[in-house]
């Protein structure tokens, strides 16, 4: 996982365009009651720079970039919403664009861990906000505002639920997305109260500061999203866990004093009915390397893996592994045994 210090050195320069465009927006600071294409363009520039930031951190159709793709699409819909909200007559259209953005952010954050307590708090706040704002609305807005509020607070719930401080299952990037989700709700809440309830001093400045900070926090969460995905593969419950790995290498193979043969591998696999998938072979190697089986005479045996080919294509043969003498380094775990089902 990347640390804040690493971000300052490697990620910081990529954020320079964002901070410059934010500075341009506040230097020019075109009032919201003076809509124009120039105002729309200047307002959208910071989010466009965040789109470039996300793209610079890698993008593909692979599963490891699913999180980044959803955040990217959320930013794209936010740009559309920003441009439309410059004109009052396009308010509903802008609201729809941001509704799609929130849905994309929710899909990026996912629904695990669930955290019902955070859900109770966020939906209670949503109900309170709807209760206070709905009397001041009319027409389509009176139907769209409750829907958008529920979706917005769902996004906040999922952003906050990702951070499990007491279980230490969190990273600084998850904290960024959590803060981003909360600030997004604050920004939209100020818009709602300023429009349908009461006048808030310096509302435009407060709205845009919290909004840009929110989008920055969500964008920063892509920095180690690929690493988080790969870590999740290592923590799957298949034979990648140390306990399971140890359990597999018991019996006659434990007490061998020679390198196991292909037949030994096949017998071990048939007896345990275990076939690791290509996606978890590398994590299995790391797990078993540090959790070998020691026989009664002190000799340790570790797994020998048939690793995926360098071409990246799926293996036509089923991957297998079996115990072997302790290698001098993890890189020697590439000893191969082929096991075809015939």
Protein backbone atom coordinates (compact mmCIF):
# COMPACT_ATOMS: atom_id res chain seq x y z
CA UNK A 1 0.00 0.00 0.00
CA UNK A 2 1.15 3.52 -0.78
CA UNK A 3 1.88 5.83 2.16
CA UNK A 4 1.16 9.57 2.34
CA UNK A 5 4.90 10.27 2.05
CA UNK A 6 5.08 8.28 -1.19
CA UNK A 7 2.06 10.16 -2.50
CA UNK A 8 3.70 13.53 -1.84
CA UNK A 9 6.70 12.45 -3.92
CA UNK A 10 5.08 10.50 -6.74
CA UNK A 11 1.41 11.47 -6.80
CA UNK A 12 1.76 15.11 -5.73
CA UNK A 13 3.06 16.38 -9.09
CA UNK A 14 0.06 14.81 -10.83
CA UNK A 15 -2.25 16.92 -8.67
CA UNK A 16 -0.63 20.23 -9.65
CA UNK A 17 -3.12 20.82 -12.52
CA UNK A 18 -6.01 20.28 -10.10
CA UNK A 19 -4.78 22.87 -7.61
CA UNK A 20 -3.96 25.33 -10.40
CA UNK A 21 -7.43 25.04 -11.94
CA UNK A 22 -9.06 25.40 -8.51
CA UNK A 23 -7.00 28.57 -8.00
CA UNK A 24 -8.15 29.87 -11.39
CA UNK A 25 -11.78 29.24 -10.47
CA UNK A 26 -11.54 31.22 -7.23
CA UNK A 27 -9.43 34.01 -8.75
CA UNK A 28 -12.00 34.61 -11.48
CA UNK A 29 -14.94 33.56 -9.28
CA UNK A 30 -17.76 34.19 -11.72
CA UNK A 31 -20.97 34.61 -9.64
CA UNK A 32 -23.54 31.85 -9.99
CA UNK A 33 -26.15 34.38 -11.16
CA UNK A 34 -24.07 35.11 -14.29
CA UNK A 35 -24.23 31.84 -16.30
CA UNK A 36 -22.06 31.52 -19.39
CA UNK A 37 -19.96 29.00 -21.29
CA UNK A 38 -16.86 30.56 -19.74
CA UNK A 39 -18.29 30.03 -16.25
CA UNK A 40 -19.15 26.41 -17.10
CA UNK A 41 -15.67 25.75 -18.52
CA UNK A 42 -13.82 27.23 -15.55
CA UNK A 43 -16.05 25.32 -13.13
CA UNK A 44 -15.37 22.01 -14.89
CA UNK A 45 -11.58 22.38 -15.22
CA UNK A 46 -10.67 21.01 -11.74
CA UNK A 47 -12.76 17.86 -12.27
CA UNK A 48 -11.27 17.39 -15.75
CA UNK A 49 -7.82 17.51 -14.14
CA UNK A 50 -8.92 14.82 -11.66
CA UNK A 51 -10.05 12.68 -14.60
CA UNK A 52 -6.53 13.00 -16.00
CA UNK A 53 -5.14 12.13 -12.54
CA UNK A 54 -7.14 8.89 -12.42
CA UNK A 55 -6.10 7.97 -15.97
CA UNK A 56 -2.42 8.55 -15.14
CA UNK A 57 -2.67 5.88 -12.45
CA UNK A 58 -3.48 3.24 -15.01
CA UNK A 59 -6.63 2.09 -16.70
CA UNK A 60 -7.65 -1.09 -18.46
CA UNK A 61 -10.61 -3.43 -18.76
CA UNK A 62 -9.04 -5.81 -16.24
CA UNK A 63 -10.74 -6.56 -12.94
CA UNK A 64 -7.89 -4.92 -11.03
CA UNK A 65 -8.98 -1.54 -12.46
CA UNK A 66 -12.73 -1.96 -11.86
CA UNK A 67 -12.63 0.49 -8.94
CA UNK A 68 -10.72 3.10 -10.95
CA UNK A 69 -13.07 2.76 -13.93
CA UNK A 70 -16.14 3.42 -11.79
CA UNK A 71 -14.56 6.43 -10.11
CA UNK A 72 -13.52 7.71 -13.54
CA UNK A 73 -17.06 7.39 -14.89
CA UNK A 74 -18.37 9.09 -11.76
CA UNK A 75 -16.05 12.03 -12.42
CA UNK A 76 -17.20 12.20 -16.04
CA UNK A 77 -20.84 12.38 -14.96
CA UNK A 78 -19.85 15.03 -12.39
CA UNK A 79 -18.37 17.18 -15.16
CA UNK A 80 -21.63 16.91 -17.07
CA UNK A 81 -23.57 17.85 -13.94
CA UNK A 82 -21.26 20.79 -13.18
CA UNK A 83 -21.79 22.24 -16.64
CA UNK A 84 -25.57 21.82 -16.55
CA UNK A 85 -25.99 23.34 -13.07
CA UNK A 86 -24.53 26.63 -14.28
CA UNK A 87 -27.95 27.36 -15.81
CA UNK A 88 -30.96 27.29 -13.46
CA UNK A 89 -33.28 25.96 -16.16
CA UNK A 90 -31.06 22.85 -16.46
CA UNK A 91 -31.06 22.12 -12.73
CA UNK A 92 -33.02 18.86 -13.06
CA UNK A 93 -30.72 17.63 -15.84
CA UNK A 94 -27.69 18.39 -13.67
CA UNK A 95 -29.32 16.58 -10.75
CA UNK A 96 -29.79 13.49 -12.93
CA UNK A 97 -26.13 13.59 -14.00
CA UNK A 98 -25.01 13.72 -10.37
CA UNK A 99 -27.45 10.95 -9.52
CA UNK A 100 -25.61 8.69 -11.97
CA UNK A 101 -22.29 9.86 -10.51
CA UNK A 102 -23.41 8.81 -7.02
CA UNK A 103 -24.53 5.40 -8.30
CA UNK A 104 -21.11 4.88 -9.89
CA UNK A 105 -19.33 5.85 -6.68
CA UNK A 106 -21.55 3.44 -4.73
CA UNK A 107 -20.66 0.62 -7.14
CA UNK A 108 -16.96 1.46 -6.70
CA UNK A 109 -17.14 1.43 -2.89
CA UNK A 110 -19.15 -1.81 -2.81
CA UNK A 111 -21.31 -3.16 -0.01
CA UNK A 112 -18.76 -4.93 2.16
CA UNK A 113 -18.36 -4.44 5.06
CA UNK A 114 -22.06 -3.68 5.51
CA UNK A 115 -21.98 -1.71 8.80
CA UNK A 116 -25.63 -1.28 9.74
CA UNK A 117 -24.82 1.38 12.36
CA UNK A 118 -23.39 3.78 9.78
CA UNK A 119 -26.41 3.07 7.58
CA UNK A 120 -28.77 3.99 10.43
CA UNK A 121 -27.01 7.31 11.01
CA UNK A 122 -26.77 8.31 7.33
CA UNK A 123 -30.38 7.44 6.49
CA UNK A 124 -31.59 9.25 9.59
CA UNK A 125 -29.77 12.36 8.37
CA UNK A 126 -31.28 11.81 4.91
CA UNK A 127 -34.79 11.67 6.39
CA UNK A 128 -34.14 14.83 8.39
CA UNK A 129 -32.84 16.66 5.31
CA UNK A 130 -35.87 15.63 3.22
CA UNK A 131 -38.21 16.70 6.03
CA UNK A 132 -36.63 20.17 6.20
CA UNK A 133 -36.22 20.81 2.46
CA UNK A 134 -39.29 19.22 0.88
CA UNK A 135 -41.77 21.97 1.90
CA UNK A 136 -39.79 24.51 -0.14
CA UNK A 137 -39.82 22.46 -3.35
CA UNK A 138 -42.43 22.04 -6.05
CA UNK A 139 -43.04 20.16 -9.27
CA UNK A 140 -40.43 17.68 -10.46
CA UNK A 141 -37.95 18.78 -7.78
CA UNK A 142 -40.30 17.58 -5.03
CA UNK A 143 -39.99 14.07 -6.48
CA UNK A 144 -36.34 14.21 -7.51
CA UNK A 145 -34.94 15.67 -4.30
CA UNK A 146 -35.91 12.72 -2.02
CA UNK A 147 -34.56 10.22 -4.54
CA UNK A 148 -31.26 12.06 -4.94
CA UNK A 149 -30.91 12.51 -1.17
CA UNK A 150 -31.32 8.78 -0.54
CA UNK A 151 -28.79 7.87 -3.24
CA UNK A 152 -26.35 10.55 -2.01
CA UNK A 153 -26.51 9.31 1.59
CA UNK A 154 -26.12 5.73 0.38
CA UNK A 155 -22.85 6.83 -1.21
CA UNK A 156 -21.82 8.43 2.09
CA UNK A 157 -22.72 5.24 3.96
CA UNK A 158 -20.61 3.09 1.67
CA UNK A 159 -17.67 5.52 1.76
CA UNK A 160 -17.67 5.63 5.57
CA UNK A 161 -18.30 1.89 6.00
CA UNK A 162 -15.09 1.06 4.11
CA UNK A 163 -13.06 2.45 7.02
CA UNK A 164 -12.86 -0.01 9.92
CA UNK A 165 -10.65 1.78 12.40
CA UNK A 166 -11.14 -0.62 15.28
CA UNK A 167 -10.29 -3.66 13.16
CA UNK A 168 -7.33 -1.81 11.58
CA UNK A 169 -8.72 -2.77 8.15
CA UNK A 170 -8.18 0.62 6.57
CA UNK A 171 -5.74 2.62 4.49
CA UNK A 172 -5.19 6.36 4.14
CA UNK A 173 -6.82 6.21 0.68
CA UNK A 174 -9.98 4.73 2.21
CA UNK A 175 -9.94 7.59 4.68
CA UNK A 176 -9.72 9.98 1.69
CA UNK A 177 -12.78 8.44 0.04
CA UNK A 178 -14.59 8.52 3.39
CA UNK A 179 -13.84 12.22 3.84
CA UNK A 180 -14.73 12.83 0.20
CA UNK A 181 -18.14 11.20 0.60
CA UNK A 182 -18.94 13.22 3.71
CA UNK A 183 -17.83 16.51 2.10
CA UNK A 184 -19.93 15.71 -0.97
CA UNK A 185 -23.00 15.47 1.25
CA UNK A 186 -22.05 18.72 3.01
CA UNK A 187 -21.67 20.51 -0.33
CA UNK A 188 -24.99 19.25 -1.69
CA UNK A 189 -26.68 19.95 1.63
CA UNK A 190 -25.59 23.58 1.49
CA UNK A 191 -26.98 23.81 -2.05
CA UNK A 192 -30.31 22.42 -0.87
CA UNK A 193 -30.66 24.64 2.18
CA UNK A 194 -29.49 27.74 0.32
CA UNK A 195 -31.98 27.11 -2.49
CA UNK A 196 -35.06 25.79 -0.68
CA UNK A 197 -34.76 26.76 2.96
CA UNK A 198 -32.65 29.77 3.93
CA UNK A 199 -29.88 31.99 2.57
CA UNK A 200 -26.37 30.92 3.57
CA UNK A 201 -23.63 33.61 3.50
CA UNK A 202 -20.84 33.03 0.96
CA UNK A 203 -22.70 29.90 -0.15
CA UNK A 204 -21.04 29.64 -3.57
CA UNK A 205 -17.52 29.67 -2.11
CA UNK A 206 -18.37 27.18 0.65
CA UNK A 207 -20.17 24.89 -1.81
CA UNK A 208 -17.29 24.80 -4.27
CA UNK A 209 -14.55 24.39 -1.64
CA UNK A 210 -16.30 21.38 -0.10
CA UNK A 211 -17.24 20.00 -3.53
CA UNK A 212 -13.72 20.14 -4.97
CA UNK A 213 -12.30 18.68 -1.74
CA UNK A 214 -14.86 15.87 -1.95
CA UNK A 215 -13.96 14.96 -5.52
CA UNK A 216 -10.25 15.14 -4.66
CA UNK A 217 -10.72 12.70 -1.77
CA UNK A 218 -12.65 10.23 -3.92
CA UNK A 219 -10.09 10.51 -6.73
CA UNK A 220 -7.17 9.89 -4.34
CA UNK A 221 -8.73 6.58 -3.36
CA UNK A 222 -7.68 5.09 -6.73
CA UNK A 223 -3.96 5.41 -5.85
CA UNK A 224 -3.71 1.96 -4.26
CA UNK A 225 -6.96 0.43 -5.54
CA UNK A 226 -5.05 -2.05 -7.70
CA UNK A 227 -2.87 -3.09 -4.74
CA UNK A 228 -6.01 -3.47 -2.60
CA UNK A 229 -7.53 -5.75 -5.23
CA UNK A 230 -4.41 -7.93 -5.35
CA UNK A 231 -4.34 -8.08 -1.55
CA UNK A 232 -7.92 -9.27 -1.55
CA UNK A 233 -6.85 -12.21 -3.72
CA UNK A 234 -4.24 -13.16 -1.13
CA UNK A 235 -6.82 -13.23 1.64
CA UNK A 236 -9.30 -15.53 -0.10
CA UNK A 237 -10.29 -18.57 1.91
CA UNK A 238 -9.06 -21.20 -0.55
CA UNK A 239 -5.80 -23.06 0.08
CA UNK A 240 -3.95 -19.75 0.29
CA UNK A 241 -4.22 -19.47 4.05
CA UNK A 242 -1.34 -20.77 6.20
CA UNK A 243 -3.59 -23.15 8.14
CA UNK A 244 -4.98 -24.73 5.00
CA UNK A 245 -1.55 -24.91 3.39
CA UNK A 246 -0.13 -26.74 6.41
CA UNK A 247 -3.06 -29.12 6.49
CA UNK A 248 -2.46 -30.16 2.90
CA UNK A 249 1.08 -31.39 3.44
CA UNK A 250 0.54 -34.08 6.04
CA UNK A 251 0.84 -37.81 5.72
CA UNK A 252 3.51 -39.82 3.83
CA UNK A 253 4.89 -36.86 1.90
CA UNK A 254 5.96 -35.12 5.11
CA UNK A 255 8.67 -37.60 5.90
CA UNK A 256 10.28 -37.89 2.48
CA UNK A 257 14.00 -37.22 2.16
CA UNK A 258 13.96 -36.73 -1.61
CA UNK A 259 12.27 -34.33 -3.98
CA UNK A 260 8.70 -35.59 -4.65
CA UNK A 261 7.96 -37.09 -8.02
CA UNK A 262 5.14 -36.20 -10.35
CA UNK A 263 3.25 -39.24 -9.07
CA UNK A 264 3.59 -37.94 -5.52
CA UNK A 265 2.05 -34.67 -6.57
CA UNK A 266 -0.87 -36.34 -8.27
CA UNK A 267 -1.52 -38.62 -5.30
CA UNK A 268 -1.44 -35.64 -2.94
CA UNK A 269 -3.86 -33.68 -5.11
CA UNK A 270 -6.25 -36.60 -5.50
CA UNK A 271 -6.30 -37.22 -1.76
CA UNK A 272 -7.00 -33.57 -0.91
CA UNK A 273 -9.14 -32.70 -3.96
CA UNK A 274 -7.48 -29.30 -4.19
CA UNK A 275 -6.72 -27.39 -7.35
CA UNK A 276 -5.55 -23.78 -6.86
CA UNK A 277 -6.69 -21.32 -9.50
CA UNK A 278 -4.34 -19.25 -11.62
CA UNK A 279 -5.32 -16.06 -9.78
CA UNK A 280 -4.11 -17.25 -6.39
CA UNK A 281 -0.97 -19.20 -7.32
CA UNK A 282 1.46 -16.44 -6.45
CA UNK A 283 -0.15 -15.70 -3.07
CA UNK A 284 -0.22 -19.45 -2.39
CA UNK A 285 3.51 -19.57 -3.02
CA UNK A 286 4.17 -16.77 -0.55
CA UNK A 287 1.90 -18.30 2.07
CA UNK A 288 3.37 -21.78 1.87
CA UNK A 289 6.92 -20.54 1.69
CA UNK A 290 6.59 -19.12 5.19
CA UNK A 291 4.49 -22.02 6.45
CA UNK A 292 6.19 -25.24 5.46
CA UNK A 293 5.79 -28.60 7.14
CA UNK A 294 8.62 -29.86 9.31
CA UNK A 295 9.01 -33.61 9.59
CA UNK A 296 10.06 -35.41 12.74
CA UNK A 297 13.72 -35.34 11.66
CA UNK A 298 13.62 -31.56 11.11
CA UNK A 299 13.42 -31.51 7.32
CA UNK A 300 11.00 -28.91 5.94
CA UNK A 301 8.93 -29.30 2.77
CA UNK A 302 7.36 -26.48 0.76
CA UNK A 303 5.02 -26.32 -2.24
CA UNK A 304 6.27 -26.57 -5.80
CA UNK A 305 4.02 -24.57 -8.11
CA UNK A 306 3.19 -24.69 -11.77
CA UNK A 307 3.05 -20.93 -12.35
CA UNK A 308 1.16 -19.26 -15.21
CA UNK A 309 3.06 -18.86 -18.44
CA UNK A 310 4.86 -15.57 -19.15
CA UNK A 311 2.66 -15.02 -22.18
CA UNK A 312 -0.25 -14.27 -19.89
CA UNK A 313 -2.51 -16.85 -21.50
CA UNK A 314 -4.52 -19.22 -19.37
CA UNK A 315 -2.85 -22.56 -18.83
CA UNK A 316 -4.42 -25.41 -20.70
CA UNK A 317 -3.31 -27.73 -17.92
CA UNK A 318 -4.56 -27.77 -14.38
CA UNK A 319 -2.20 -26.15 -11.91
CA UNK A 320 -0.87 -28.31 -9.11
CA UNK A 321 1.58 -28.22 -6.26
CA UNK A 322 3.18 -30.58 -3.78
CA UNK A 323 5.75 -30.45 -0.99
CA UNK A 324 9.43 -30.20 -1.85
CA UNK A 325 12.66 -29.48 0.08
CA UNK A 326 13.00 -25.96 1.38
CA UNK A 327 14.49 -23.75 -1.35
CA UNK A 328 17.16 -21.18 -0.67
CA UNK A 329 14.90 -18.32 -1.74
CA UNK A 330 11.24 -17.73 -2.68
CA UNK A 331 12.21 -17.35 -6.33
CA UNK A 332 13.07 -21.05 -6.44
CA UNK A 333 9.45 -21.91 -5.85
CA UNK A 334 9.03 -22.05 -9.61
CA UNK A 335 9.86 -25.75 -9.67
CA UNK A 336 7.16 -27.17 -11.89
CA UNK A 337 4.98 -30.25 -11.89
CA UNK A 338 2.42 -30.75 -14.64
CA UNK A 339 -0.81 -32.54 -13.79
CA UNK A 340 -3.18 -33.23 -16.62
CA UNK A 341 -6.40 -35.10 -15.98
CA UNK A 342 -6.42 -38.01 -18.36
